[in-house]
PDB file of N, CA and C in Angstrom:
ATOM      1  N   ALA A   1     -21.868   2.002 -21.959  1.00  0.00           N
ATOM      2  CA  ALA A   1     -22.222   3.397 -22.136  1.00  0.00           C
ATOM      3  C   ALA A   1     -21.051   4.182 -22.181  1.00  0.00           C
ATOM      4  N   GLY A   2     -21.202   5.306 -22.936  1.00  0.00           N
ATOM      5  CA  GLY A   2     -20.087   6.190 -23.352  1.00  0.00           C
ATOM      6  C   GLY A   2     -20.380   7.537 -22.962  1.00  0.00           C
ATOM      7  N   PRO A   3     -19.673   8.436 -23.559  1.00  0.00           N
ATOM      8  CA  PRO A   3     -19.834   9.964 -23.252  1.00  0.00           C
ATOM      9  C   PRO A   3     -21.371  10.432 -23.600  1.00  0.00           C
ATOM     10  N   SER A   4     -21.887   9.658 -24.483  1.00  0.00           N
ATOM     11  CA  SER A   4     -23.243  10.145 -24.868  1.00  0.00           C
ATOM     12  C   SER A   4     -24.309   9.722 -24.041  1.00  0.00           C
ATOM     13  N   GLY A   5     -24.149   9.562 -22.611  1.00  0.00           N
ATOM     14  CA  GLY A   5     -25.164   9.209 -21.614  1.00  0.00           C
ATOM     15  C   GLY A   5     -24.724   7.885 -21.168  1.00  0.00           C
ATOM     16  N   GLY A   6     -25.823   7.476 -20.291  1.00  0.00           N
ATOM     17  CA  GLY A   6     -25.555   6.036 -19.631  1.00  0.00           C
ATOM     18  C   GLY A   6     -24.793   6.378 -18.404  1.00  0.00           C
ATOM     19  N   LEU A   7     -24.035   5.372 -17.899  1.00  0.00           N
ATOM     20  CA  LEU A   7     -23.395   5.471 -16.604  1.00  0.00           C
ATOM     21  C   LEU A   7     -22.085   6.226 -16.815  1.00  0.00           C
ATOM     22  N   PRO A   8     -21.901   7.070 -15.840  1.00  0.00           N
ATOM     23  CA  PRO A   8     -20.543   7.797 -15.778  1.00  0.00           C
ATOM     24  C   PRO A   8     -19.381   6.807 -15.769  1.00  0.00           C
ATOM     25  N   PRO A   9     -18.157   7.172 -16.219  1.00  0.00           N
ATOM     26  CA  PRO A   9     -17.102   6.190 -16.174  1.00  0.00           C
ATOM     27  C   PRO A   9     -16.637   5.981 -14.686  1.00  0.00           C
ATOM     28  N   ALA A  10     -16.197   4.805 -14.475  1.00  0.00           N
ATOM     29  CA  ALA A  10     -15.838   4.312 -13.194  1.00  0.00           C
ATOM     30  C   ALA A  10     -14.560   5.121 -12.849  1.00  0.00           C
ATOM     31  N   THR A  11     -14.225   5.401 -11.543  1.00  0.00           N
ATOM     32  CA  THR A  11     -12.952   5.980 -11.185  1.00  0.00           C
ATOM     33  C   THR A  11     -12.027   4.740 -10.955  1.00  0.00           C
ATOM     34  N   PRO A  12     -10.916   4.715 -11.749  1.00  0.00           N
ATOM     35  CA  PRO A  12      -9.946   3.597 -11.512  1.00  0.00           C
ATOM     36  C   PRO A  12      -9.139   3.664 -10.184  1.00  0.00           C
ATOM     37  N   VAL A  13      -8.848   2.637  -9.584  1.00  0.00           N
ATOM     38  CA  VAL A  13      -8.015   2.652  -8.378  1.00  0.00           C
ATOM     39  C   VAL A  13      -7.141   1.330  -8.643  1.00  0.00           C
ATOM     40  N   GLY A  14      -5.802   1.660  -8.739  1.00  0.00           N
ATOM     41  CA  GLY A  14      -4.824   0.528  -8.763  1.00  0.00           C
ATOM     42  C   GLY A  14      -4.628  -0.024  -7.414  1.00  0.00           C
ATOM     43  N   MET A  15      -4.492  -1.310  -7.297  1.00  0.00           N
ATOM     44  CA  MET A  15      -4.152  -2.001  -6.100  1.00  0.00           C
ATOM     45  C   MET A  15      -3.197  -3.074  -6.346  1.00  0.00           C
ATOM     46  N   SER A  16      -2.341  -3.266  -5.406  1.00  0.00           N
ATOM     47  CA  SER A  16      -1.367  -4.584  -5.375  1.00  0.00           C
ATOM     48  C   SER A  16      -1.834  -5.494  -4.145  1.00  0.00           C
ATOM     49  N   ALA A  17      -1.686  -6.754  -4.427  1.00  0.00           N
ATOM     50  CA  ALA A  17      -1.914  -7.636  -3.532  1.00  0.00           C
ATOM     51  C   ALA A  17      -0.612  -8.563  -3.289  1.00  0.00           C
ATOM     52  N   ARG A  18      -0.302  -8.746  -2.019  1.00  0.00           N
ATOM     53  CA  ARG A  18       0.825  -9.749  -1.786  1.00  0.00           C
ATOM     54  C   ARG A  18       0.582 -10.266  -0.343  1.00  0.00           C
ATOM     55  N   GLU A  19       1.260 -11.393  -0.103  1.00  0.00           N
ATOM     56  CA  GLU A  19       1.035 -11.898   1.438  1.00  0.00           C
ATOM     57  C   GLU A  19       1.676 -10.938   2.387  1.00  0.00           C
ATOM     58  N   PHE A  20       1.034 -10.275   3.274  1.00  0.00           N
ATOM     59  CA  PHE A  20      -0.309 -10.294   3.455  1.00  0.00           C
ATOM     60  C   PHE A  20      -0.890  -8.877   3.600  1.00  0.00           C
ATOM     61  N   SER A  21      -0.905  -8.109   2.415  1.00  0.00           N
ATOM     62  CA  SER A  21      -1.188  -6.724   2.540  1.00  0.00           C
ATOM     63  C   SER A  21      -1.776  -6.402   0.996  1.00  0.00           C
ATOM     64  N   PHE A  22      -2.473  -5.283   1.168  1.00  0.00           N
ATOM     65  CA  PHE A  22      -2.806  -4.582  -0.092  1.00  0.00           C
ATOM     66  C   PHE A  22      -2.196  -3.272  -0.120  1.00  0.00           C
ATOM     67  N   GLY A  23      -1.917  -2.789  -1.375  1.00  0.00           N
ATOM     68  CA  GLY A  23      -1.446  -1.519  -1.504  1.00  0.00           C
ATOM     69  C   GLY A  23      -2.456  -0.757  -2.502  1.00  0.00           C
ATOM     70  N   VAL A  24      -2.788   0.393  -1.948  1.00  0.00           N
ATOM     71  CA  VAL A  24      -3.818   1.326  -2.813  1.00  0.00           C
ATOM     72  C   VAL A  24      -3.050   2.487  -3.413  1.00  0.00           C
ATOM     73  N   TYR A  25      -3.110   2.672  -4.570  1.00  0.00           N
ATOM     74  CA  TYR A  25      -2.369   3.727  -5.296  1.00  0.00           C
ATOM     75  C   TYR A  25      -3.080   4.946  -5.276  1.00  0.00           C
ATOM     76  N   ARG A  26      -4.466   4.993  -4.800  1.00  0.00           N
ATOM     77  CA  ARG A  26      -5.173   6.186  -4.792  1.00  0.00           C
ATOM     78  C   ARG A  26      -6.151   5.996  -3.568  1.00  0.00           C
ATOM     79  N   THR A  27      -5.946   6.911  -2.599  1.00  0.00           N
ATOM     80  CA  THR A  27      -6.717   6.490  -1.401  1.00  0.00           C
ATOM     81  C   THR A  27      -8.078   7.391  -1.243  1.00  0.00           C
ATOM     82  N   ARG A  28      -8.199   8.461  -2.209  1.00  0.00           N
ATOM     83  CA  ARG A  28      -9.303   9.138  -2.117  1.00  0.00           C
ATOM     84  C   ARG A  28     -10.046   9.045  -3.469  1.00  0.00           C
ATOM     85  N   VAL A  29     -11.257   8.837  -3.484  1.00  0.00           N
ATOM     86  CA  VAL A  29     -12.092   8.860  -4.740  1.00  0.00           C
ATOM     87  C   VAL A  29     -13.393   9.641  -4.572  1.00  0.00           C
ATOM     88  N   PRO A  30     -14.051  10.079  -5.609  1.00  0.00           N
ATOM     89  CA  PRO A  30     -15.494  10.658  -5.505  1.00  0.00           C
ATOM     90  C   PRO A  30     -16.438   9.506  -5.420  1.00  0.00           C
ATOM     91  N   ALA A  31     -17.585   9.694  -4.818  1.00  0.00           N
ATOM     92  CA  ALA A  31     -18.549   8.710  -4.672  1.00  0.00           C
ATOM     93  C   ALA A  31     -19.048   8.391  -6.135  1.00  0.00           C
ATOM     94  N   GLY A  32     -19.589   7.092  -6.258  1.00  0.00           N
ATOM     95  CA  GLY A  32     -19.912   6.632  -7.475  1.00  0.00           C
ATOM     96  C   GLY A  32     -19.283   5.343  -7.795  1.00  0.00           C
ATOM     97  N   ARG A  33     -19.154   4.984  -9.080  1.00  0.00           N
ATOM     98  CA  ARG A  33     -18.617   3.711  -9.435  1.00  0.00           C
ATOM     99  C   ARG A  33     -17.047   3.772  -9.322  1.00  0.00           C
ATOM    100  N   VAL A  34     -16.484   2.796  -8.728  1.00  0.00           N
ATOM    101  CA  VAL A  34     -15.014   2.590  -8.612  1.00  0.00           C
ATOM    102  C   VAL A  34     -14.665   1.279  -9.077  1.00  0.00           C
ATOM    103  N   ARG A  35     -13.577   1.436 -10.010  1.00  0.00           N
ATOM    104  CA  ARG A  35     -13.101   0.141 -10.686  1.00  0.00           C
ATOM    105  C   ARG A  35     -11.710  -0.189  -9.897  1.00  0.00           C
ATOM    106  N   LEU A  36     -11.554  -1.290  -9.161  1.00  0.00           N
ATOM    107  CA  LEU A  36     -10.399  -1.676  -8.660  1.00  0.00           C
ATOM    108  C   LEU A  36      -9.663  -2.604  -9.579  1.00  0.00           C
ATOM    109  N   ASN A  37      -8.410  -2.285  -9.783  1.00  0.00           N
ATOM    110  CA  ASN A  37      -7.579  -2.955 -10.625  1.00  0.00           C
ATOM    111  C   ASN A  37      -6.584  -3.617  -9.850  1.00  0.00           C
ATOM    112  N   VAL A  38      -6.838  -4.687  -9.397  1.00  0.00           N
ATOM    113  CA  VAL A  38      -5.947  -5.495  -8.474  1.00  0.00           C
ATOM    114  C   VAL A  38      -4.986  -6.391  -9.161  1.00  0.00           C
ATOM    115  N   HIS A  39      -3.687  -6.123  -8.863  1.00  0.00           N
ATOM    116  CA  HIS A  39      -2.622  -6.986  -9.422  1.00  0.00           C
ATOM    117  C   HIS A  39      -1.904  -7.818  -8.200  1.00  0.00           C
ATOM    118  N   ASN A  40      -2.028  -9.163  -8.449  1.00  0.00           N
ATOM    119  CA  ASN A  40      -1.551 -10.102  -7.536  1.00  0.00           C
ATOM    120  C   ASN A  40       0.070 -10.256  -7.623  1.00  0.00           C
ATOM    121  N   PHE A  41       0.903  -9.681  -6.750  1.00  0.00           N
ATOM    122  CA  PHE A  41       2.291  -9.827  -6.767  1.00  0.00           C
ATOM    123  C   PHE A  41       2.706 -10.958  -5.939  1.00  0.00           C
ATOM    124  N   GLY A  42       1.801 -11.642  -5.261  1.00  0.00           N
ATOM    125  CA  GLY A  42       2.156 -12.653  -4.212  1.00  0.00           C
ATOM    126  C   GLY A  42       2.129 -13.968  -4.936  1.00  0.00           C
ATOM    127  N   GLU A  43       2.210 -14.995  -3.909  1.00  0.00           N
ATOM    128  CA  GLU A  43       2.211 -16.454  -4.380  1.00  0.00           C
ATOM    129  C   GLU A  43       0.805 -17.186  -3.957  1.00  0.00           C
ATOM    130  N   ASP A  44      -0.051 -16.462  -3.421  1.00  0.00           N
ATOM    131  CA  ASP A  44      -1.406 -17.190  -3.113  1.00  0.00           C
ATOM    132  C   ASP A  44      -2.460 -16.277  -3.893  1.00  0.00           C
ATOM    133  N   PRO A  45      -3.542 -17.100  -4.183  1.00  0.00           N
ATOM    134  CA  PRO A  45      -4.725 -16.331  -4.891  1.00  0.00           C
ATOM    135  C   PRO A  45      -5.265 -15.535  -3.753  1.00  0.00           C
ATOM    136  N   HIS A  46      -5.917 -14.228  -4.100  1.00  0.00           N
ATOM    137  CA  HIS A  46      -6.406 -13.314  -3.351  1.00  0.00           C
ATOM    138  C   HIS A  46      -7.804 -12.728  -3.820  1.00  0.00           C
ATOM    139  N   ASP A  47      -8.704 -12.315  -3.046  1.00  0.00           N
ATOM    140  CA  ASP A  47      -9.933 -11.728  -3.497  1.00  0.00           C
ATOM    141  C   ASP A  47     -10.148 -10.392  -2.732  1.00  0.00           C
ATOM    142  N   VAL A  48     -11.130  -9.590  -2.934  1.00  0.00           N
ATOM    143  CA  VAL A  48     -11.354  -8.297  -2.379  1.00  0.00           C
ATOM    144  C   VAL A  48     -12.961  -8.174  -1.973  1.00  0.00           C
ATOM    145  N   GLN A  49     -13.258  -7.771  -0.914  1.00  0.00           N
ATOM    146  CA  GLN A  49     -14.590  -7.302  -0.538  1.00  0.00           C
ATOM    147  C   GLN A  49     -14.364  -5.986   0.074  1.00  0.00           C
ATOM    148  N   VAL A  50     -15.313  -4.945  -0.426  1.00  0.00           N
ATOM    149  CA  VAL A  50     -15.471  -3.617   0.075  1.00  0.00           C
ATOM    150  C   VAL A  50     -16.564  -3.598   1.142  1.00  0.00           C
ATOM    151  N   ARG A  51     -16.057  -3.058   2.322  1.00  0.00           N
ATOM    152  CA  ARG A  51     -17.138  -2.552   3.391  1.00  0.00           C
ATOM    153  C   ARG A  51     -17.135  -1.343   3.806  1.00  0.00           C
ATOM    154  N   GLY A  52     -18.313  -0.694   4.045  1.00  0.00           N
ATOM    155  CA  GLY A  52     -18.232   0.760   4.397  1.00  0.00           C
ATOM    156  C   GLY A  52     -19.420   1.088   5.151  1.00  0.00           C
ATOM    157  N   PRO A  53     -19.742   2.494   5.212  1.00  0.00           N
ATOM    158  CA  PRO A  53     -20.741   3.039   6.149  1.00  0.00           C
ATOM    159  C   PRO A  53     -22.022   2.541   5.847  1.00  0.00           C
ATOM    160  N   GLY A  54     -22.936   2.441   6.929  1.00  0.00           N
ATOM    161  CA  GLY A  54     -24.287   1.970   6.860  1.00  0.00           C
ATOM    162  C   GLY A  54     -24.257   0.408   6.607  1.00  0.00           C
ATOM    163  N   GLY A  55     -23.196  -0.312   6.889  1.00  0.00           N
ATOM    164  CA  GLY A  55     -23.353  -1.703   6.750  1.00  0.00           C
ATOM    165  C   GLY A  55     -23.028  -2.171   5.341  1.00  0.00           C
ATOM    166  N   TYR A  56     -22.507  -1.448   4.489  1.00  0.00           N
ATOM    167  CA  TYR A  56     -22.390  -1.741   3.056  1.00  0.00           C
ATOM    168  C   TYR A  56     -21.410  -2.856   2.980  1.00  0.00           C
ATOM    169  N   ARG A  57     -21.695  -3.818   2.217  1.00  0.00           N
ATOM    170  CA  ARG A  57     -20.882  -4.977   1.628  1.00  0.00           C
ATOM    171  C   ARG A  57     -20.963  -5.072   0.134  1.00  0.00           C
ATOM    172  N   SER A  58     -19.765  -4.986  -0.528  1.00  0.00           N
ATOM    173  CA  SER A  58     -19.910  -5.293  -1.791  1.00  0.00           C
ATOM    174  C   SER A  58     -20.056  -6.923  -1.955  1.00  0.00           C
ATOM    175  N   SER A  59     -20.123  -7.375  -3.282  1.00  0.00           N
ATOM    176  CA  SER A  59     -19.917  -8.774  -3.467  1.00  0.00           C
ATOM    177  C   SER A  59     -18.450  -9.030  -3.169  1.00  0.00           C
ATOM    178  N   VAL A  60     -18.147 -10.376  -3.318  1.00  0.00           N
ATOM    179  CA  VAL A  60     -16.818 -10.724  -3.020  1.00  0.00           C
ATOM    180  C   VAL A  60     -16.165 -10.830  -4.514  1.00  0.00           C
ATOM    181  N   SER A  61     -15.035 -10.223  -4.811  1.00  0.00           N
ATOM    182  CA  SER A  61     -14.470 -10.390  -6.153  1.00  0.00           C
ATOM    183  C   SER A  61     -14.134 -11.837  -6.452  1.00  0.00           C
ATOM    184  N   PRO A  62     -13.980 -12.291  -7.820  1.00  0.00           N
ATOM    185  CA  PRO A  62     -13.323 -13.405  -8.190  1.00  0.00           C
ATOM    186  C   PRO A  62     -11.954 -13.496  -7.520  1.00  0.00           C
ATOM    187  N   GLU A  63     -11.427 -14.656  -7.434  1.00  0.00           N
ATOM    188  CA  GLU A  63      -9.945 -14.769  -7.030  1.00  0.00           C
ATOM    189  C   GLU A  63      -8.995 -14.237  -8.077  1.00  0.00           C
ATOM    190  N   VAL A  64      -7.979 -13.478  -7.741  1.00  0.00           N
ATOM    191  CA  VAL A  64      -7.173 -12.911  -8.703  1.00  0.00           C
ATOM    192  C   VAL A  64      -5.783 -13.946  -8.286  1.00  0.00           C
ATOM    193  N   GLU A  65      -5.481 -14.725  -9.296  1.00  0.00           N
ATOM    194  CA  GLU A  65      -4.286 -15.559  -9.245  1.00  0.00           C
ATOM    195  C   GLU A  65      -2.935 -14.810  -9.352  1.00  0.00           C
ATOM    196  N   PRO A  66      -1.880 -15.447  -8.732  1.00  0.00           N
ATOM    197  CA  PRO A  66      -0.582 -14.955  -8.696  1.00  0.00           C
ATOM    198  C   PRO A  66      -0.186 -14.418 -10.184  1.00  0.00           C
ATOM    199  N   GLY A  67       0.366 -13.284 -10.261  1.00  0.00           N
ATOM    200  CA  GLY A  67       0.731 -12.654 -11.500  1.00  0.00           C
ATOM    201  C   GLY A  67      -0.207 -11.987 -12.342  1.00  0.00           C
ATOM    202  N   GLU A  68      -1.590 -12.195 -11.996  1.00  0.00           N
ATOM    203  CA  GLU A  68      -2.696 -11.768 -12.664  1.00  0.00           C
ATOM    204  C   GLU A  68      -3.244 -10.382 -12.262  1.00  0.00           C
ATOM    205  N   THR A  69      -4.106  -9.765 -13.036  1.00  0.00           N
ATOM    206  CA  THR A  69      -4.698  -8.446 -12.710  1.00  0.00           C
ATOM    207  C   THR A  69      -6.238  -8.783 -12.867  1.00  0.00           C
ATOM    208  N   LEU A  70      -7.063  -8.396 -11.678  1.00  0.00           N
ATOM    209  CA  LEU A  70      -8.459  -8.509 -11.841  1.00  0.00           C
ATOM    210  C   LEU A  70      -9.030  -7.030 -11.883  1.00  0.00           C
ATOM    211  N   ARG A  71     -10.090  -6.871 -12.722  1.00  0.00           N
ATOM    212  CA  ARG A  71     -10.859  -5.555 -12.593  1.00  0.00           C
ATOM    213  C   ARG A  71     -12.153  -5.941 -12.012  1.00  0.00           C
ATOM    214  N   PHE A  72     -12.436  -5.155 -10.834  1.00  0.00           N
ATOM    215  CA  PHE A  72     -13.603  -5.385 -10.090  1.00  0.00           C
ATOM    216  C   PHE A  72     -14.371  -4.033  -9.876  1.00  0.00           C
ATOM    217  N   THR A  73     -15.564  -3.841 -10.198  1.00  0.00           N
ATOM    218  CA  THR A  73     -16.312  -2.562 -10.102  1.00  0.00           C
ATOM    219  C   THR A  73     -17.233  -2.652  -9.006  1.00  0.00           C
ATOM    220  N   VAL A  74     -17.209  -1.588  -8.136  1.00  0.00           N
ATOM    221  CA  VAL A  74     -18.165  -1.379  -7.066  1.00  0.00           C
ATOM    222  C   VAL A  74     -18.942   0.050  -7.120  1.00  0.00           C
ATOM    223  N   ARG A  75     -19.895   0.068  -6.579  1.00  0.00           N
ATOM    224  CA  ARG A  75     -20.559   1.381  -6.463  1.00  0.00           C
ATOM    225  C   ARG A  75     -20.526   1.856  -5.024  1.00  0.00           C
ATOM    226  N   LEU A  76     -19.751   3.066  -4.739  1.00  0.00           N
ATOM    227  CA  LEU A  76     -19.645   3.435  -3.475  1.00  0.00           C
ATOM    228  C   LEU A  76     -20.344   4.784  -3.293  1.00  0.00           C
ATOM    229  N   ARG A  77     -21.628   4.755  -3.000  1.00  0.00           N
ATOM    230  CA  ARG A  77     -22.475   6.055  -3.156  1.00  0.00           C
ATOM    231  C   ARG A  77     -22.468   6.845  -1.883  1.00  0.00           C
ATOM    232  N   ARG A  78     -21.891   6.461  -0.709  1.00  0.00           N
ATOM    233  CA  ARG A  78     -21.917   7.358   0.564  1.00  0.00           C
ATOM    234  C   ARG A  78     -20.491   7.696   0.714  1.00  0.00           C
ATOM    235  N   PRO A  79     -20.393   9.062   1.117  1.00  0.00           N
ATOM    236  CA  PRO A  79     -18.970   9.378   1.514  1.00  0.00           C
ATOM    237  C   PRO A  79     -18.495   8.797   2.863  1.00  0.00           C
ATOM    238  N   GLY A  80     -17.243   8.624   3.038  1.00  0.00           N
ATOM    239  CA  GLY A  80     -16.903   8.034   4.296  1.00  0.00           C
ATOM    240  C   GLY A  80     -15.721   7.066   3.967  1.00  0.00           C
ATOM    241  N   ARG A  81     -15.286   6.219   4.998  1.00  0.00           N
ATOM    242  CA  ARG A  81     -14.295   5.317   4.855  1.00  0.00           C
ATOM    243  C   ARG A  81     -14.610   3.954   4.648  1.00  0.00           C
ATOM    244  N   TYR A  82     -13.924   3.417   3.768  1.00  0.00           N
ATOM    245  CA  TYR A  82     -14.389   1.999   3.205  1.00  0.00           C
ATOM    246  C   TYR A  82     -13.130   1.084   3.573  1.00  0.00           C
ATOM    247  N   LEU A  83     -13.333  -0.125   3.731  1.00  0.00           N
ATOM    248  CA  LEU A  83     -12.370  -1.043   4.175  1.00  0.00           C
ATOM    249  C   LEU A  83     -12.326  -2.119   2.961  1.00  0.00           C
ATOM    250  N   LEU A  84     -11.011  -2.323   2.444  1.00  0.00           N
ATOM    251  CA  LEU A  84     -10.887  -3.288   1.414  1.00  0.00           C
ATOM    252  C   LEU A  84     -10.242  -4.439   2.045  1.00  0.00           C
ATOM    253  N   ILE A  85     -10.930  -5.511   2.033  1.00  0.00           N
ATOM    254  CA  ILE A  85     -10.320  -6.824   2.808  1.00  0.00           C
ATOM    255  C   ILE A  85     -10.359  -8.047   1.974  1.00  0.00           C
ATOM    256  N   CYS A  86      -9.252  -8.912   2.262  1.00  0.00           N
ATOM    257  CA  CYS A  86      -9.220 -10.222   1.498  1.00  0.00           C
ATOM    258  C   CYS A  86      -9.949 -11.151   2.491  1.00  0.00           C
ATOM    259  N   LEU A  87     -10.853 -12.154   1.708  1.00  0.00           N
ATOM    260  CA  LEU A  87     -11.601 -13.085   2.492  1.00  0.00           C
ATOM    261  C   LEU A  87     -11.112 -14.427   2.536  1.00  0.00           C
ATOM    262  N   GLN A  88      -9.790 -14.514   2.004  1.00  0.00           N
ATOM    263  CA  GLN A  88      -9.179 -15.941   1.873  1.00  0.00           C
ATOM    264  C   GLN A  88      -8.843 -16.155   3.396  1.00  0.00           C
ATOM    265  N   PRO A  89      -9.140 -17.626   3.700  1.00  0.00           N
ATOM    266  CA  PRO A  89      -8.782 -17.890   5.213  1.00  0.00           C
ATOM    267  C   PRO A  89      -7.558 -17.352   5.829  1.00  0.00           C
ATOM    268  N   GLY A  90      -7.842 -16.637   6.882  1.00  0.00           N
ATOM    269  CA  GLY A  90      -6.570 -16.072   7.589  1.00  0.00           C
ATOM    270  C   GLY A  90      -5.956 -14.705   7.025  1.00  0.00           C
ATOM    271  N   HIS A  91      -6.164 -14.446   5.912  1.00  0.00           N
ATOM    272  CA  HIS A  91      -5.477 -13.353   5.305  1.00  0.00           C
ATOM    273  C   HIS A  91      -5.728 -11.999   5.945  1.00  0.00           C
ATOM    274  N   ALA A  92      -7.009 -11.735   6.120  1.00  0.00           N
ATOM    275  CA  ALA A  92      -7.256 -10.465   6.883  1.00  0.00           C
ATOM    276  C   ALA A  92      -6.811 -10.341   8.252  1.00  0.00           C
ATOM    277  N   ALA A  93      -6.727 -11.531   8.883  1.00  0.00           N
ATOM    278  CA  ALA A  93      -6.139 -11.535  10.346  1.00  0.00           C
ATOM    279  C   ALA A  93      -4.627 -11.138  10.298  1.00  0.00           C
ATOM    280  N   GLN A  94      -3.981 -11.462   9.149  1.00  0.00           N
ATOM    281  CA  GLN A  94      -2.631 -11.200   9.030  1.00  0.00           C
ATOM    282  C   GLN A  94      -2.279  -9.899   8.473  1.00  0.00           C
ATOM    283  N   GLY A  95      -3.369  -9.106   8.327  1.00  0.00           N
ATOM    284  CA  GLY A  95      -3.086  -7.622   7.925  1.00  0.00           C
ATOM    285  C   GLY A  95      -3.624  -7.299   6.509  1.00  0.00           C
ATOM    286  N   MET A  96      -4.241  -8.196   5.797  1.00  0.00           N
ATOM    287  CA  MET A  96      -4.435  -7.865   4.334  1.00  0.00           C
ATOM    288  C   MET A  96      -5.788  -7.210   4.260  1.00  0.00           C
ATOM    289  N   LYS A  97      -5.592  -5.971   4.512  1.00  0.00           N
ATOM    290  CA  LYS A  97      -6.716  -4.906   4.309  1.00  0.00           C
ATOM    291  C   LYS A  97      -6.174  -3.576   4.082  1.00  0.00           C
ATOM    292  N   ALA A  98      -6.946  -2.682   3.454  1.00  0.00           N
ATOM    293  CA  ALA A  98      -6.576  -1.270   3.214  1.00  0.00           C
ATOM    294  C   ALA A  98      -7.830  -0.460   3.239  1.00  0.00           C
ATOM    295  N   TYR A  99      -7.700   0.771   3.245  1.00  0.00           N
ATOM    296  CA  TYR A  99      -8.727   1.828   3.316  1.00  0.00           C
ATOM    297  C   TYR A  99      -8.804   2.721   2.124  1.00  0.00           C
ATOM    298  N   LEU A 100     -10.042   3.088   1.949  1.00  0.00           N
ATOM    299  CA  LEU A 100     -10.342   4.110   0.745  1.00  0.00           C
ATOM    300  C   LEU A 100     -11.314   5.064   1.299  1.00  0.00           C
ATOM    301  N   ARG A 101     -11.063   6.184   0.908  1.00  0.00           N
ATOM    302  CA  ARG A 101     -11.883   7.387   1.512  1.00  0.00           C
ATOM    303  C   ARG A 101     -12.668   7.874   0.307  1.00  0.00           C
ATOM    304  N   VAL A 102     -13.911   7.912   0.520  1.00  0.00           N
ATOM    305  CA  VAL A 102     -14.894   8.314  -0.551  1.00  0.00           C
ATOM    306  C   VAL A 102     -15.419   9.832  -0.210  1.00  0.00           C
ATOM    307  N   ARG A 103     -15.223  10.727  -1.095  1.00  0.00           N
ATOM    308  CA  ARG A 103     -15.787  11.965  -0.975  1.00  0.00           C
ATOM    309  C   ARG A 103     -17.115  12.186  -1.739  1.00  0.00           C
ATOM    310  N   LYS A 104     -17.774  13.454  -1.419  1.00  0.00           N
ATOM    311  CA  LYS A 104     -19.052  13.629  -2.223  1.00  0.00           C
ATOM    312  C   LYS A 104     -18.731  14.020  -3.508  1.00  0.00           C
ATOM    313  N   LYS A 105     -19.447  13.589  -4.295  1.00  0.00           N
ATOM    314  CA  LYS A 105     -19.232  14.060  -5.811  1.00  0.00           C
ATOM    315  C   LYS A 105     -19.391  15.461  -6.012  1.00  0.00           C
ATOM    316  N   ARG A 106     -18.506  16.093  -6.798  1.00  0.00           N
ATOM    317  CA  ARG A 106     -18.794  17.431  -7.133  1.00  0.00           C
ATOM    318  C   ARG A 106     -19.985  17.731  -8.108  1.00  0.00           C
ATOM    319  N   SER A 107     -20.884  18.737  -7.895  1.00  0.00           N
ATOM    320  CA  SER A 107     -21.906  18.733  -8.787  1.00  0.00           C
ATOM    321  C   SER A 107     -21.677  19.833  -9.912  1.00  0.00           C
TER     322      SER A 107
END
């Protein structure tokens, strides 16, 4: 889909992953499609799941290997605070999470 209709472009959000933290380069986004561009600066594979208001759970991204970048698109419809979390064993418990604030779309 392009400018001539279809889906609106996703809002890009750059992320860094390392042991054991996520960095988010943009912490506020409009509601809608969000493309997470996750670069793994660490030594272990990582993944990401987005959790939010109303029990929202995105699918789990594929693993992003050390030195690689993963593009993972999610649809965040509701305004509120979303948790970005790594589901690799023990990673979240060691602090591998970050937050994203979703605001209402401007009409």
